[in-house]
Amino acid sequence: MLVSPVPERVARVTAVWDDLGQAWQGILDDHTEGELEVLTRHMRRAHDLSHAQMQRLRSTISANTAACTTALR
């Protein structure tokens, strides 16, 4: 299967993300380099924590599904 963007829709999606990018830039422009370093470190750690939590939840769901399947046999 080949998925291709529809040119008319690409412009709409791009416009939404451009507006969001400009809004974020406005927020970030108010911070010093030191503050941006703290924010960046926090966002990276939050990302890592979320990723680890998703993996834990997926493995728990897989283990529970396997246990239920075994119990039904």
Protein backbone atom coordinates (compact mmCIF):
# COMPACT_ATOMS: atom_id res chain seq x y z
CA MET A 1 0.00 0.00 0.00
CA LEU A 2 1.31 3.41 -0.93
CA VAL A 3 0.08 6.40 1.03
CA SER A 4 0.53 9.82 -0.53
CA PRO A 5 -0.42 13.22 0.85
CA VAL A 6 -3.21 15.10 -0.89
CA PRO A 7 -1.65 18.39 -2.04
CA GLU A 8 -4.70 20.49 -1.11
CA ARG A 9 -4.61 19.16 2.45
CA VAL A 10 -0.85 19.56 2.90
CA ALA A 11 -1.22 23.34 2.78
CA ARG A 12 -3.91 23.26 5.50
CA VAL A 13 -1.88 21.00 7.78
CA THR A 14 1.26 23.05 7.21
CA ALA A 15 -0.59 26.26 8.09
CA VAL A 16 -1.79 24.80 11.40
CA TRP A 17 1.70 23.66 12.35
CA ASP A 18 3.26 26.95 11.22
CA ASP A 19 0.92 28.86 13.54
CA LEU A 20 1.75 26.52 16.40
CA GLY A 21 5.47 26.84 15.72
CA GLN A 22 5.25 30.62 15.79
CA ALA A 23 3.31 30.52 19.06
CA TRP A 24 5.92 28.25 20.64
CA GLN A 25 8.70 30.51 19.38
CA GLY A 26 6.99 33.47 21.05
CA ILE A 27 6.86 31.59 24.35
CA LEU A 28 10.46 30.45 24.13
CA ASP A 29 11.75 33.90 23.16
CA ASP A 30 10.89 35.10 26.67
CA HIS A 31 13.44 32.76 28.29
CA THR A 32 17.17 33.07 28.86
CA GLU A 33 19.57 30.44 27.50
CA GLY A 34 19.89 29.00 31.01
CA GLU A 35 16.13 28.69 31.36
CA LEU A 36 15.90 27.04 27.95
CA GLU A 37 18.52 24.50 29.02
CA VAL A 38 16.42 23.65 32.11
CA LEU A 39 13.26 23.38 30.01
CA THR A 40 15.02 21.19 27.43
CA ARG A 41 16.43 18.90 30.11
CA HIS A 42 13.00 18.62 31.73
CA MET A 43 11.26 17.85 28.42
CA ARG A 44 13.83 15.16 27.58
CA ARG A 45 13.46 13.54 30.98
CA ALA A 46 9.66 13.71 30.77
CA HIS A 47 9.83 12.09 27.32
CA ASP A 48 12.08 9.31 28.62
CA LEU A 49 9.79 8.74 31.60
CA SER A 50 6.71 8.57 29.36
CA HIS A 51 8.45 6.18 26.99
CA ALA A 52 9.48 3.88 29.85
CA GLN A 53 5.95 3.97 31.25
CA MET A 54 4.44 3.05 27.87
CA GLN A 55 6.83 0.11 27.56
CA ARG A 56 5.93 -1.04 31.09
CA LEU A 57 2.22 -0.79 30.35
CA ARG A 58 2.60 -2.66 27.06
CA SER A 59 4.50 -5.49 28.72
CA THR A 60 1.90 -5.66 31.52
CA ILE A 61 -0.92 -5.81 28.97
CA SER A 62 0.93 -8.50 27.00
CA ALA A 63 1.52 -10.55 30.15
CA ASN A 64 -2.11 -10.19 31.23
CA THR A 65 -3.35 -11.14 27.76
CA ALA A 66 -1.12 -14.21 27.74
CA ALA A 67 -2.32 -15.21 31.21
CA CYS A 68 -5.95 -14.85 30.20
CA THR A 69 -5.42 -16.83 27.01
CA THR A 70 -3.72 -19.62 28.98
CA ALA A 71 -6.49 -19.64 31.57
CA LEU A 72 -9.14 -20.02 28.86
CA ARG A 73 -7.54 -23.11 27.37
